Amino acid sequence: MSVIYVIDILGTFAFAVSGALVALDKKFDMFGVLIIAFVTAVGGGMLRDVLIDAHPINWIGNLDYLYTIFIAVVFTFLFKSKIAHLSKTMFLFDTIGISVFTLLGLEKGLSFNLHPIIAIIMGVISAVFGGVLRDVLTNKVPLIFEKEIYASACLAGGIIYLILNYFNVEENINFIISAAVVAIIRVIVVRFHLELPKIKDDIFGKA
């Protein structure tokens, strides 16, 4: 069992927990919690695989993803009182998830001989669109459309991965470093309330 596969399962678990916590907060029933956890955990990867015509689609080709999601939901039910009230818990699981899935999506894109720019886009889709689907289904504004730097952190991690890959850094080390970059950027952004600039007027100003 490779280190990257273990990290993949960890990321799936983390995203499933984050989805389950949101669903529980919305008072969904058990089936609803399972659906939201599932969509959050594998939705981004599923969309990526559809876009690049990869078969079988991620969770269909490996039942370990479904087992992991189920375990994550049970874990969330058992320990909800311990973790649901902690905003840092949601942030932790979400950050782990986007760090891991950015690079897994990027690697899969490269394995399909996509241009590196397109491969990075596939990585970002893998990382953020599970959360987008989660938020849409639970009637929330998706995080990537709000002020926090989110997808940009994934983009930065993907660029670091490509640079290190160009210099032939060992795969597992590259993965860990690049994932850490995504996580560190997210922590810094949230800690110091940073955000991307907004366009408040056109470049010529008001008439």
N, C-alpha and C. Protein backbone atom coordinates (compact mmCIF):
# COMPACT_ATOMS: atom_id res chain seq x y z
N MET A 1 0.85 -1.20 0.00
CA MET A 1 0.00 0.00 0.00
C MET A 1 0.89 1.25 0.00
N SER A 2 0.72 2.12 -1.01
CA SER A 2 1.58 3.28 -1.15
C SER A 2 1.17 4.39 -0.18
N VAL A 3 2.13 5.28 0.07
CA VAL A 3 1.86 6.42 0.94
C VAL A 3 0.77 7.29 0.34
N ILE A 4 0.82 7.49 -0.97
CA ILE A 4 -0.16 8.34 -1.64
C ILE A 4 -1.56 7.75 -1.53
N TYR A 5 -1.66 6.41 -1.63
CA TYR A 5 -2.98 5.79 -1.51
C TYR A 5 -3.53 6.00 -0.10
N VAL A 6 -2.68 5.88 0.90
CA VAL A 6 -3.11 6.11 2.28
C VAL A 6 -3.59 7.55 2.44
N ILE A 7 -2.84 8.49 1.86
CA ILE A 7 -3.23 9.90 1.93
C ILE A 7 -4.55 10.14 1.20
N ASP A 8 -4.75 9.43 0.09
CA ASP A 8 -6.00 9.51 -0.67
C ASP A 8 -7.19 9.10 0.20
N ILE A 9 -7.03 7.99 0.89
CA ILE A 9 -8.11 7.50 1.77
C ILE A 9 -8.34 8.48 2.92
N LEU A 10 -7.25 9.04 3.45
CA LEU A 10 -7.37 10.04 4.52
C LEU A 10 -8.13 11.26 4.02
N GLY A 11 -7.82 11.71 2.80
CA GLY A 11 -8.53 12.85 2.23
C GLY A 11 -10.00 12.56 2.02
N THR A 12 -10.31 11.36 1.55
CA THR A 12 -11.71 10.94 1.37
C THR A 12 -12.44 10.96 2.69
N PHE A 13 -11.80 10.42 3.72
CA PHE A 13 -12.39 10.41 5.06
C PHE A 13 -12.63 11.84 5.55
N ALA A 14 -11.63 12.70 5.35
CA ALA A 14 -11.74 14.08 5.83
C ALA A 14 -12.88 14.81 5.15
N PHE A 15 -12.99 14.68 3.84
CA PHE A 15 -14.07 15.35 3.13
C PHE A 15 -15.43 14.78 3.51
N ALA A 16 -15.50 13.46 3.69
CA ALA A 16 -16.77 12.85 4.07
C ALA A 16 -17.22 13.34 5.45
N VAL A 17 -16.28 13.49 6.37
CA VAL A 17 -16.62 14.02 7.69
C VAL A 17 -17.12 15.45 7.59
N SER A 18 -16.44 16.26 6.77
CA SER A 18 -16.87 17.65 6.64
C SER A 18 -18.27 17.73 6.05
N GLY A 19 -18.56 16.86 5.07
CA GLY A 19 -19.90 16.83 4.50
C GLY A 19 -20.94 16.36 5.50
N ALA A 20 -20.60 15.33 6.26
CA ALA A 20 -21.53 14.80 7.26
C ALA A 20 -21.83 15.83 8.34
N LEU A 21 -20.81 16.60 8.74
CA LEU A 21 -21.03 17.63 9.76
C LEU A 21 -21.99 18.71 9.27
N VAL A 22 -21.84 19.12 8.01
CA VAL A 22 -22.74 20.12 7.45
C VAL A 22 -24.16 19.57 7.39
N ALA A 23 -24.31 18.30 6.95
CA ALA A 23 -25.63 17.69 6.84
C ALA A 23 -26.29 17.54 8.22
N LEU A 24 -25.52 17.17 9.21
CA LEU A 24 -26.07 17.05 10.56
C LEU A 24 -26.49 18.41 11.10
N ASP A 25 -25.71 19.42 10.78
CA ASP A 25 -26.07 20.78 11.22
C ASP A 25 -27.38 21.24 10.58
N LYS A 26 -27.66 20.73 9.37
CA LYS A 26 -28.90 21.06 8.67
C LYS A 26 -30.06 20.14 9.08
N LYS A 27 -29.81 19.26 10.04
CA LYS A 27 -30.83 18.34 10.55
C LYS A 27 -31.28 17.31 9.51
N PHE A 28 -30.39 16.89 8.61
CA PHE A 28 -30.72 15.86 7.64
C PHE A 28 -30.85 14.51 8.34
N ASP A 29 -31.62 13.60 7.74
CA ASP A 29 -31.70 12.25 8.29
C ASP A 29 -30.47 11.44 7.87
N MET A 30 -30.42 10.19 8.29
CA MET A 30 -29.25 9.35 8.05
C MET A 30 -28.93 9.24 6.56
N PHE A 31 -29.97 9.04 5.74
CA PHE A 31 -29.75 8.91 4.31
C PHE A 31 -29.22 10.22 3.73
N GLY A 32 -29.77 11.33 4.17
CA GLY A 32 -29.31 12.63 3.70
C GLY A 32 -27.86 12.88 4.07
N VAL A 33 -27.48 12.48 5.28
CA VAL A 33 -26.10 12.64 5.72
C VAL A 33 -25.16 11.82 4.84
N LEU A 34 -25.57 10.59 4.54
CA LEU A 34 -24.75 9.73 3.68
C LEU A 34 -24.57 10.34 2.29
N ILE A 35 -25.65 10.88 1.74
CA ILE A 35 -25.57 11.48 0.40
C ILE A 35 -24.64 12.68 0.38
N ILE A 36 -24.79 13.56 1.37
CA ILE A 36 -23.94 14.75 1.41
C ILE A 36 -22.48 14.37 1.65
N ALA A 37 -22.24 13.40 2.52
CA ALA A 37 -20.87 12.93 2.75
C ALA A 37 -20.28 12.34 1.47
N PHE A 38 -21.08 11.56 0.76
CA PHE A 38 -20.64 10.94 -0.49
C PHE A 38 -20.29 12.00 -1.54
N VAL A 39 -21.19 12.95 -1.74
CA VAL A 39 -20.98 14.00 -2.75
C VAL A 39 -19.74 14.83 -2.41
N THR A 40 -19.57 15.15 -1.14
CA THR A 40 -18.43 15.94 -0.72
C THR A 40 -17.12 15.20 -0.95
N ALA A 41 -17.12 13.92 -0.65
CA ALA A 41 -15.90 13.13 -0.71
C ALA A 41 -15.47 12.79 -2.13
N VAL A 42 -16.41 12.46 -3.00
CA VAL A 42 -16.03 11.97 -4.33
C VAL A 42 -16.60 12.80 -5.48
N GLY A 43 -17.37 13.84 -5.17
CA GLY A 43 -17.99 14.63 -6.23
C GLY A 43 -16.99 15.30 -7.15
N GLY A 44 -15.94 15.90 -6.58
CA GLY A 44 -14.94 16.57 -7.39
C GLY A 44 -14.19 15.60 -8.28
N GLY A 45 -13.79 14.47 -7.71
CA GLY A 45 -13.08 13.46 -8.50
C GLY A 45 -13.96 12.86 -9.58
N MET A 46 -15.24 12.71 -9.27
CA MET A 46 -16.17 12.16 -10.25
C MET A 46 -16.32 13.11 -11.44
N LEU A 47 -16.45 14.41 -11.15
CA LEU A 47 -16.55 15.39 -12.23
C LEU A 47 -15.26 15.41 -13.06
N ARG A 48 -14.12 15.34 -12.40
CA ARG A 48 -12.83 15.29 -13.11
C ARG A 48 -12.77 14.10 -14.06
N ASP A 49 -13.18 12.93 -13.57
CA ASP A 49 -13.11 11.72 -14.39
C ASP A 49 -14.06 11.80 -15.58
N VAL A 50 -15.21 12.42 -15.39
CA VAL A 50 -16.14 12.61 -16.51
C VAL A 50 -15.53 13.53 -17.56
N LEU A 51 -14.88 14.61 -17.10
CA LEU A 51 -14.30 15.58 -18.02
C LEU A 51 -13.15 15.00 -18.84
N ILE A 52 -12.35 14.13 -18.22
CA ILE A 52 -11.21 13.57 -18.95
C ILE A 52 -11.50 12.18 -19.51
N ASP A 53 -12.76 11.74 -19.36
CA ASP A 53 -13.20 10.46 -19.88
C ASP A 53 -12.40 9.30 -19.29
N ALA A 54 -12.23 9.34 -17.97
CA ALA A 54 -11.51 8.28 -17.26
C ALA A 54 -12.49 7.23 -16.77
N HIS A 55 -12.22 5.98 -17.08
CA HIS A 55 -13.09 4.88 -16.66
C HIS A 55 -12.27 3.76 -16.04
N PRO A 56 -12.82 3.12 -14.98
CA PRO A 56 -14.07 3.48 -14.29
C PRO A 56 -13.89 4.75 -13.47
N ILE A 57 -14.99 5.46 -13.26
CA ILE A 57 -14.97 6.66 -12.43
C ILE A 57 -14.51 6.30 -11.02
N ASN A 58 -13.81 7.25 -10.38
CA ASN A 58 -13.09 7.00 -9.13
C ASN A 58 -13.72 5.99 -8.18
N TRP A 59 -14.89 6.29 -7.63
CA TRP A 59 -15.47 5.42 -6.60
C TRP A 59 -16.03 4.13 -7.17
N ILE A 60 -16.37 4.11 -8.46
CA ILE A 60 -16.89 2.88 -9.07
C ILE A 60 -15.79 1.83 -9.20
N GLY A 61 -14.59 2.30 -9.46
CA GLY A 61 -13.47 1.37 -9.65
C GLY A 61 -12.81 0.91 -8.37
N ASN A 62 -13.17 1.51 -7.24
CA ASN A 62 -12.52 1.15 -5.98
C ASN A 62 -13.51 1.32 -4.83
N LEU A 63 -14.01 0.20 -4.33
CA LEU A 63 -15.01 0.25 -3.26
C LEU A 63 -14.47 0.77 -1.94
N ASP A 64 -13.14 0.87 -1.83
CA ASP A 64 -12.57 1.41 -0.60
C ASP A 64 -13.09 2.82 -0.32
N TYR A 65 -13.38 3.57 -1.38
CA TYR A 65 -13.92 4.92 -1.18
C TYR A 65 -15.28 4.87 -0.49
N LEU A 66 -16.13 3.95 -0.94
CA LEU A 66 -17.46 3.83 -0.32
C LEU A 66 -17.35 3.37 1.12
N TYR A 67 -16.46 2.41 1.38
CA TYR A 67 -16.26 1.94 2.76
C TYR A 67 -15.77 3.09 3.64
N THR A 68 -14.85 3.88 3.11
CA THR A 68 -14.29 5.01 3.87
C THR A 68 -15.36 6.03 4.19
N ILE A 69 -16.22 6.34 3.21
CA ILE A 69 -17.29 7.30 3.43
C ILE A 69 -18.25 6.80 4.50
N PHE A 70 -18.60 5.53 4.44
CA PHE A 70 -19.51 4.95 5.44
C PHE A 70 -18.90 5.04 6.84
N ILE A 71 -17.61 4.69 6.95
CA ILE A 71 -16.93 4.75 8.24
C ILE A 71 -16.89 6.19 8.75
N ALA A 72 -16.66 7.14 7.84
CA ALA A 72 -16.60 8.55 8.22
C ALA A 72 -17.95 9.02 8.76
N VAL A 73 -19.03 8.58 8.13
CA VAL A 73 -20.37 8.97 8.59
C VAL A 73 -20.65 8.39 9.97
N VAL A 74 -20.32 7.12 10.16
CA VAL A 74 -20.50 6.50 11.48
C VAL A 74 -19.66 7.22 12.53
N PHE A 75 -18.42 7.53 12.17
CA PHE A 75 -17.53 8.27 13.07
C PHE A 75 -18.14 9.61 13.46
N THR A 76 -18.71 10.31 12.49
CA THR A 76 -19.30 11.62 12.75
C THR A 76 -20.51 11.50 13.66
N PHE A 77 -21.34 10.48 13.44
CA PHE A 77 -22.49 10.26 14.31
C PHE A 77 -22.05 9.97 15.74
N LEU A 78 -21.03 9.14 15.88
CA LEU A 78 -20.58 8.73 17.21
C LEU A 78 -19.94 9.88 17.99
N PHE A 79 -19.23 10.75 17.27
CA PHE A 79 -18.46 11.79 17.96
C PHE A 79 -18.95 13.20 17.65
N LYS A 80 -20.18 13.30 17.17
CA LYS A 80 -20.72 14.61 16.80
C LYS A 80 -20.64 15.60 17.95
N SER A 81 -20.98 15.16 19.15
CA SER A 81 -20.98 16.07 20.29
C SER A 81 -19.58 16.58 20.62
N LYS A 82 -18.58 15.84 20.19
CA LYS A 82 -17.20 16.23 20.48
C LYS A 82 -16.63 17.18 19.43
N ILE A 83 -17.10 17.05 18.18
CA ILE A 83 -16.46 17.78 17.09
C ILE A 83 -17.36 18.79 16.39
N ALA A 84 -18.68 18.61 16.43
CA ALA A 84 -19.57 19.44 15.61
C ALA A 84 -19.52 20.91 15.99
N HIS A 85 -19.28 21.21 17.27
CA HIS A 85 -19.31 22.60 17.72
C HIS A 85 -17.97 23.30 17.52
N LEU A 86 -17.01 22.57 17.01
CA LEU A 86 -15.68 23.14 16.83
C LEU A 86 -15.49 23.61 15.38
N SER A 87 -15.46 24.91 15.17
CA SER A 87 -15.27 25.41 13.81
C SER A 87 -13.91 25.00 13.26
N LYS A 88 -12.95 24.84 14.15
CA LYS A 88 -11.62 24.43 13.71
C LYS A 88 -11.63 23.02 13.14
N THR A 89 -12.57 22.19 13.60
CA THR A 89 -12.65 20.82 13.09
C THR A 89 -13.04 20.82 11.62
N MET A 90 -14.05 21.60 11.27
CA MET A 90 -14.47 21.70 9.87
C MET A 90 -13.33 22.21 9.01
N PHE A 91 -12.64 23.22 9.52
CA PHE A 91 -11.52 23.79 8.79
C PHE A 91 -10.42 22.76 8.58
N LEU A 92 -10.12 21.99 9.63
CA LEU A 92 -9.07 20.98 9.55
C LEU A 92 -9.39 19.93 8.49
N PHE A 93 -10.59 19.36 8.56
CA PHE A 93 -10.96 18.31 7.62
C PHE A 93 -11.04 18.84 6.19
N ASP A 94 -11.55 20.04 6.05
CA ASP A 94 -11.67 20.63 4.71
C ASP A 94 -10.29 20.90 4.12
N THR A 95 -9.37 21.39 4.94
CA THR A 95 -8.02 21.70 4.47
C THR A 95 -7.26 20.45 4.07
N ILE A 96 -7.39 19.39 4.86
CA ILE A 96 -6.76 18.11 4.50
C ILE A 96 -7.31 17.62 3.16
N GLY A 97 -8.63 17.73 3.02
CA GLY A 97 -9.27 17.24 1.80
C GLY A 97 -8.79 17.96 0.56
N ILE A 98 -8.79 19.30 0.58
CA ILE A 98 -8.39 20.02 -0.63
C ILE A 98 -6.90 19.84 -0.93
N SER A 99 -6.08 19.71 0.10
CA SER A 99 -4.64 19.51 -0.11
C SER A 99 -4.38 18.21 -0.85
N VAL A 100 -5.04 17.16 -0.41
CA VAL A 100 -4.83 15.83 -0.99
C VAL A 100 -5.42 15.74 -2.39
N PHE A 101 -6.66 16.18 -2.55
CA PHE A 101 -7.35 15.98 -3.82
C PHE A 101 -6.82 16.87 -4.93
N THR A 102 -6.27 18.03 -4.58
CA THR A 102 -5.63 18.86 -5.60
C THR A 102 -4.54 18.07 -6.32
N LEU A 103 -3.70 17.43 -5.54
CA LEU A 103 -2.55 16.73 -6.11
C LEU A 103 -2.93 15.42 -6.77
N LEU A 104 -3.90 14.73 -6.21
CA LEU A 104 -4.36 13.49 -6.84
C LEU A 104 -5.00 13.79 -8.19
N GLY A 105 -5.79 14.86 -8.26
CA GLY A 105 -6.39 15.24 -9.53
C GLY A 105 -5.36 15.67 -10.54
N LEU A 106 -4.36 16.42 -10.08
CA LEU A 106 -3.27 16.86 -10.95
C LEU A 106 -2.51 15.66 -11.49
N GLU A 107 -2.17 14.72 -10.62
CA GLU A 107 -1.44 13.54 -11.04
C GLU A 107 -2.23 12.72 -12.06
N LYS A 108 -3.53 12.62 -11.83
CA LYS A 108 -4.36 11.85 -12.78
C LYS A 108 -4.40 12.55 -14.13
N GLY A 109 -4.49 13.87 -14.10
CA GLY A 109 -4.47 14.62 -15.35
C GLY A 109 -3.18 14.40 -16.11
N LEU A 110 -2.05 14.42 -15.41
CA LEU A 110 -0.76 14.17 -16.05
C LEU A 110 -0.67 12.76 -16.60
N SER A 111 -1.26 11.80 -15.87
CA SER A 111 -1.22 10.41 -16.33
C SER A 111 -2.03 10.21 -17.61
N PHE A 112 -2.95 11.14 -17.88
CA PHE A 112 -3.74 11.10 -19.12
C PHE A 112 -3.11 12.00 -20.20
N ASN A 113 -1.86 12.38 -19.95
CA ASN A 113 -1.08 13.18 -20.91
C ASN A 113 -1.74 14.53 -21.22
N LEU A 114 -2.42 15.10 -20.24
CA LEU A 114 -2.98 16.43 -20.42
C LEU A 114 -1.87 17.47 -20.28
N HIS A 115 -2.08 18.62 -20.90
CA HIS A 115 -1.15 19.73 -20.72
C HIS A 115 -1.10 20.08 -19.23
N PRO A 116 0.08 20.42 -18.70
CA PRO A 116 0.20 20.72 -17.27
C PRO A 116 -0.81 21.75 -16.77
N ILE A 117 -1.13 22.77 -17.57
CA ILE A 117 -2.12 23.76 -17.14
C ILE A 117 -3.49 23.11 -16.96
N ILE A 118 -3.86 22.26 -17.91
CA ILE A 118 -5.14 21.56 -17.81
C ILE A 118 -5.12 20.59 -16.63
N ALA A 119 -3.97 19.95 -16.41
CA ALA A 119 -3.84 19.02 -15.28
C ALA A 119 -4.05 19.74 -13.95
N ILE A 120 -3.51 20.98 -13.84
CA ILE A 120 -3.72 21.76 -12.62
C ILE A 120 -5.20 22.08 -12.44
N ILE A 121 -5.86 22.43 -13.54
CA ILE A 121 -7.30 22.72 -13.47
C ILE A 121 -8.06 21.48 -12.99
N MET A 122 -7.66 20.32 -13.47
CA MET A 122 -8.30 19.07 -13.02
C MET A 122 -8.06 18.86 -11.52
N GLY A 123 -6.87 19.26 -11.05
CA GLY A 123 -6.59 19.16 -9.62
C GLY A 123 -7.48 20.06 -8.80
N VAL A 124 -7.66 21.29 -9.28
CA VAL A 124 -8.53 22.24 -8.56
C VAL A 124 -9.97 21.74 -8.56
N ILE A 125 -10.43 21.23 -9.71
CA ILE A 125 -11.79 20.68 -9.78
C ILE A 125 -11.95 19.53 -8.78
N SER A 126 -10.97 18.65 -8.73
CA SER A 126 -11.02 17.53 -7.79
C SER A 126 -11.13 18.00 -6.35
N ALA A 127 -10.44 19.10 -6.06
CA ALA A 127 -10.37 19.58 -4.68
C ALA A 127 -11.61 20.34 -4.25
N VAL A 128 -12.14 21.19 -5.13
CA VAL A 128 -13.16 22.14 -4.66
C VAL A 128 -14.59 21.80 -5.03
N PHE A 129 -14.80 20.99 -6.08
CA PHE A 129 -16.17 20.82 -6.54
C PHE A 129 -16.99 19.86 -5.69
N GLY A 130 -16.36 19.00 -4.91
CA GLY A 130 -17.12 18.23 -3.93
C GLY A 130 -17.73 19.17 -2.91
N GLY A 131 -16.94 20.16 -2.46
CA GLY A 131 -17.45 21.15 -1.53
C GLY A 131 -18.51 22.05 -2.14
N VAL A 132 -18.34 22.37 -3.43
CA VAL A 132 -19.35 23.18 -4.12
C VAL A 132 -20.68 22.44 -4.15
N LEU A 133 -20.64 21.16 -4.52
CA LEU A 133 -21.87 20.36 -4.56
C LEU A 133 -22.48 20.23 -3.17
N ARG A 134 -21.65 20.03 -2.17
CA ARG A 134 -22.13 19.97 -0.77
C ARG A 134 -22.88 21.24 -0.40
N ASP A 135 -22.27 22.38 -0.69
CA ASP A 135 -22.86 23.66 -0.31
C ASP A 135 -24.15 23.94 -1.08
N VAL A 136 -24.16 23.61 -2.37
CA VAL A 136 -25.37 23.82 -3.17
C VAL A 136 -26.52 22.96 -2.63
N LEU A 137 -26.22 21.70 -2.34
CA LEU A 137 -27.27 20.80 -1.86
C LEU A 137 -27.75 21.14 -0.45
N THR A 138 -26.93 21.84 0.30
CA THR A 138 -27.34 22.24 1.66
C THR A 138 -27.71 23.72 1.72
N ASN A 139 -27.92 24.31 0.54
CA ASN A 139 -28.42 25.69 0.44
C ASN A 139 -27.48 26.71 1.07
N LYS A 140 -26.19 26.56 0.75
CA LYS A 140 -25.19 27.53 1.21
C LYS A 140 -24.47 28.11 -0.01
N VAL A 141 -23.93 29.31 0.16
CA VAL A 141 -23.09 29.87 -0.90
C VAL A 141 -21.75 29.13 -0.89
N PRO A 142 -21.35 28.51 -2.02
CA PRO A 142 -20.08 27.77 -2.04
C PRO A 142 -18.91 28.63 -1.59
N LEU A 143 -18.02 28.02 -0.84
CA LEU A 143 -16.90 28.74 -0.24
C LEU A 143 -16.03 29.42 -1.28
N ILE A 144 -15.87 28.80 -2.46
CA ILE A 144 -14.98 29.38 -3.47
C ILE A 144 -15.54 30.69 -4.04
N PHE A 145 -16.83 30.95 -3.81
CA PHE A 145 -17.42 32.20 -4.30
C PHE A 145 -17.44 33.28 -3.23
N GLU A 146 -16.97 32.93 -2.04
CA GLU A 146 -16.91 33.91 -0.96
C GLU A 146 -15.51 34.50 -0.89
N LYS A 147 -15.23 35.25 0.16
CA LYS A 147 -14.02 36.05 0.18
C LYS A 147 -12.74 35.25 0.45
N GLU A 148 -12.83 34.07 1.04
CA GLU A 148 -11.63 33.35 1.40
C GLU A 148 -10.86 32.87 0.18
N ILE A 149 -9.53 32.88 0.30
CA ILE A 149 -8.67 32.30 -0.73
C ILE A 149 -8.73 30.79 -0.57
N TYR A 150 -9.31 30.12 -1.53
CA TYR A 150 -9.60 28.68 -1.42
C TYR A 150 -9.04 27.94 -2.63
N ALA A 151 -9.66 28.16 -3.78
CA ALA A 151 -9.16 27.52 -5.01
C ALA A 151 -7.76 28.01 -5.34
N SER A 152 -7.46 29.25 -4.99
CA SER A 152 -6.12 29.81 -5.27
C SER A 152 -5.04 29.05 -4.51
N ALA A 153 -5.36 28.59 -3.31
CA ALA A 153 -4.40 27.80 -2.55
C ALA A 153 -4.12 26.48 -3.25
N CYS A 154 -5.17 25.88 -3.81
CA CYS A 154 -5.00 24.64 -4.57
C CYS A 154 -4.13 24.88 -5.80
N LEU A 155 -4.37 25.99 -6.46
CA LEU A 155 -3.59 26.35 -7.65
C LEU A 155 -2.11 26.49 -7.30
N ALA A 156 -1.83 27.15 -6.19
CA ALA A 156 -0.44 27.34 -5.76
C ALA A 156 0.23 26.00 -5.47
N GLY A 157 -0.49 25.11 -4.78
CA GLY A 157 0.06 23.79 -4.48
C GLY A 157 0.33 23.00 -5.75
N GLY A 158 -0.56 23.12 -6.73
CA GLY A 158 -0.37 22.42 -7.99
C GLY A 158 0.85 22.92 -8.74
N ILE A 159 1.08 24.23 -8.71
CA ILE A 159 2.25 24.81 -9.38
C ILE A 159 3.54 24.32 -8.71
N ILE A 160 3.54 24.31 -7.38
CA ILE A 160 4.71 23.80 -6.65
C ILE A 160 4.98 22.35 -7.04
N TYR A 161 3.92 21.55 -7.15
CA TYR A 161 4.09 20.15 -7.52
C TYR A 161 4.76 20.02 -8.89
N LEU A 162 4.31 20.81 -9.85
CA LEU A 162 4.88 20.74 -11.20
C LEU A 162 6.35 21.17 -11.21
N ILE A 163 6.66 22.19 -10.41
CA ILE A 163 8.05 22.65 -10.34
C ILE A 163 8.95 21.58 -9.76
N LEU A 164 8.52 20.98 -8.65
CA LEU A 164 9.31 19.93 -8.01
C LEU A 164 9.40 18.69 -8.91
N ASN A 165 8.32 18.41 -9.62
CA ASN A 165 8.32 17.28 -10.54
C ASN A 165 9.32 17.51 -11.68
N TYR A 166 9.43 18.75 -12.13
CA TYR A 166 10.38 19.09 -13.19
C TYR A 166 11.81 18.81 -12.74
N PHE A 167 12.07 19.03 -11.45
CA PHE A 167 13.40 18.80 -10.91
C PHE A 167 13.57 17.38 -10.35
N ASN A 168 12.63 16.50 -10.71
CA ASN A 168 12.70 15.07 -10.38
C ASN A 168 12.76 14.78 -8.88
N VAL A 169 12.04 15.58 -8.10
CA VAL A 169 11.92 15.29 -6.67
C VAL A 169 11.10 14.02 -6.50
N GLU A 170 11.51 13.16 -5.59
CA GLU A 170 10.83 11.88 -5.37
C GLU A 170 9.34 12.10 -5.15
N GLU A 171 8.50 11.23 -5.73
CA GLU A 171 7.05 11.46 -5.80
C GLU A 171 6.41 11.68 -4.44
N ASN A 172 6.69 10.80 -3.48
CA ASN A 172 6.06 10.93 -2.17
C ASN A 172 6.46 12.23 -1.47
N ILE A 173 7.73 12.58 -1.58
CA ILE A 173 8.22 13.82 -0.97
C ILE A 173 7.57 15.02 -1.64
N ASN A 174 7.50 14.98 -2.97
CA ASN A 174 6.85 16.05 -3.73
C ASN A 174 5.40 16.21 -3.29
N PHE A 175 4.70 15.09 -3.16
CA PHE A 175 3.30 15.12 -2.77
C PHE A 175 3.12 15.77 -1.41
N ILE A 176 3.94 15.37 -0.46
CA ILE A 176 3.82 15.88 0.91
C ILE A 176 4.13 17.38 0.96
N ILE A 177 5.20 17.79 0.28
CA ILE A 177 5.57 19.20 0.27
C ILE A 177 4.48 20.05 -0.36
N SER A 178 3.98 19.61 -1.51
CA SER A 178 2.98 20.38 -2.24
C SER A 178 1.66 20.45 -1.47
N ALA A 179 1.28 19.34 -0.85
CA ALA A 179 0.07 19.34 -0.03
C ALA A 179 0.23 20.28 1.17
N ALA A 180 1.43 20.30 1.73
CA ALA A 180 1.70 21.19 2.86
C ALA A 180 1.57 22.65 2.43
N VAL A 181 1.98 22.95 1.20
CA VAL A 181 1.87 24.33 0.70
C VAL A 181 0.40 24.76 0.68
N VAL A 182 -0.48 23.89 0.17
CA VAL A 182 -1.90 24.20 0.14
C VAL A 182 -2.41 24.45 1.56
N ALA A 183 -2.07 23.55 2.47
CA ALA A 183 -2.55 23.65 3.85
C ALA A 183 -2.03 24.92 4.53
N ILE A 184 -0.75 25.23 4.32
CA ILE A 184 -0.14 26.40 4.96
C ILE A 184 -0.78 27.68 4.45
N ILE A 185 -1.02 27.74 3.13
CA ILE A 185 -1.67 28.93 2.58
C ILE A 185 -3.05 29.11 3.18
N ARG A 186 -3.81 28.02 3.31
CA ARG A 186 -5.15 28.10 3.90
C ARG A 186 -5.08 28.59 5.34
N VAL A 187 -4.12 28.08 6.11
CA VAL A 187 -3.99 28.48 7.51
C VAL A 187 -3.65 29.97 7.60
N ILE A 188 -2.70 30.42 6.79
CA ILE A 188 -2.30 31.82 6.80
C ILE A 188 -3.46 32.73 6.41
N VAL A 189 -4.18 32.30 5.36
CA VAL A 189 -5.32 33.10 4.87
C VAL A 189 -6.38 33.28 5.95
N VAL A 190 -6.72 32.18 6.62
CA VAL A 190 -7.76 32.25 7.65
C VAL A 190 -7.25 32.99 8.89
N ARG A 191 -5.99 32.74 9.23
CA ARG A 191 -5.43 33.38 10.43
C ARG A 191 -5.38 34.89 10.31
N PHE A 192 -5.03 35.38 9.12
CA PHE A 192 -4.85 36.82 8.93
C PHE A 192 -5.97 37.46 8.10
N HIS A 193 -7.03 36.69 7.85
CA HIS A 193 -8.21 37.20 7.16
C HIS A 193 -7.86 37.82 5.80
N LEU A 194 -7.05 37.11 5.04
CA LEU A 194 -6.64 37.60 3.73
C LEU A 194 -7.69 37.24 2.69
N GLU A 195 -7.75 38.00 1.62
CA GLU A 195 -8.67 37.71 0.54
C GLU A 195 -8.16 38.30 -0.76
N LEU A 196 -8.65 37.77 -1.86
CA LEU A 196 -8.27 38.30 -3.16
C LEU A 196 -8.95 39.66 -3.38
N PRO A 197 -8.30 40.54 -4.16
CA PRO A 197 -8.92 41.85 -4.41
C PRO A 197 -10.21 41.72 -5.21
N LYS A 198 -11.11 42.63 -4.96
CA LYS A 198 -12.39 42.63 -5.66
C LYS A 198 -12.43 43.79 -6.64
N ILE A 199 -13.16 43.61 -7.74
CA ILE A 199 -13.35 44.67 -8.72
C ILE A 199 -14.55 45.50 -8.27
N LYS A 200 -14.30 46.71 -7.82
CA LYS A 200 -15.38 47.55 -7.31
C LYS A 200 -15.89 48.54 -8.34
N ASP A 201 -15.10 48.76 -9.38
CA ASP A 201 -15.51 49.70 -10.41
C ASP A 201 -14.78 49.34 -11.70
N ASP A 202 -15.19 49.91 -12.82
CA ASP A 202 -14.44 49.63 -14.04
C ASP A 202 -13.14 50.42 -14.05
N ILE A 203 -12.24 50.06 -14.92
CA ILE A 203 -10.88 50.61 -14.88
C ILE A 203 -10.85 52.10 -15.19
N PHE A 204 -11.91 52.62 -15.79
CA PHE A 204 -11.93 54.04 -16.12
C PHE A 204 -12.64 54.87 -15.05
N GLY A 205 -13.11 54.17 -13.99
CA GLY A 205 -13.77 54.88 -12.91
C GLY A 205 -15.17 55.30 -13.31
N LYS A 206 -15.79 56.04 -12.46
CA LYS A 206 -17.16 56.49 -12.71
C LYS A 206 -17.17 57.65 -13.70
N ALA A 207 -18.23 57.66 -14.48
CA ALA A 207 -18.34 58.72 -15.49
C ALA A 207 -18.65 60.06 -14.80
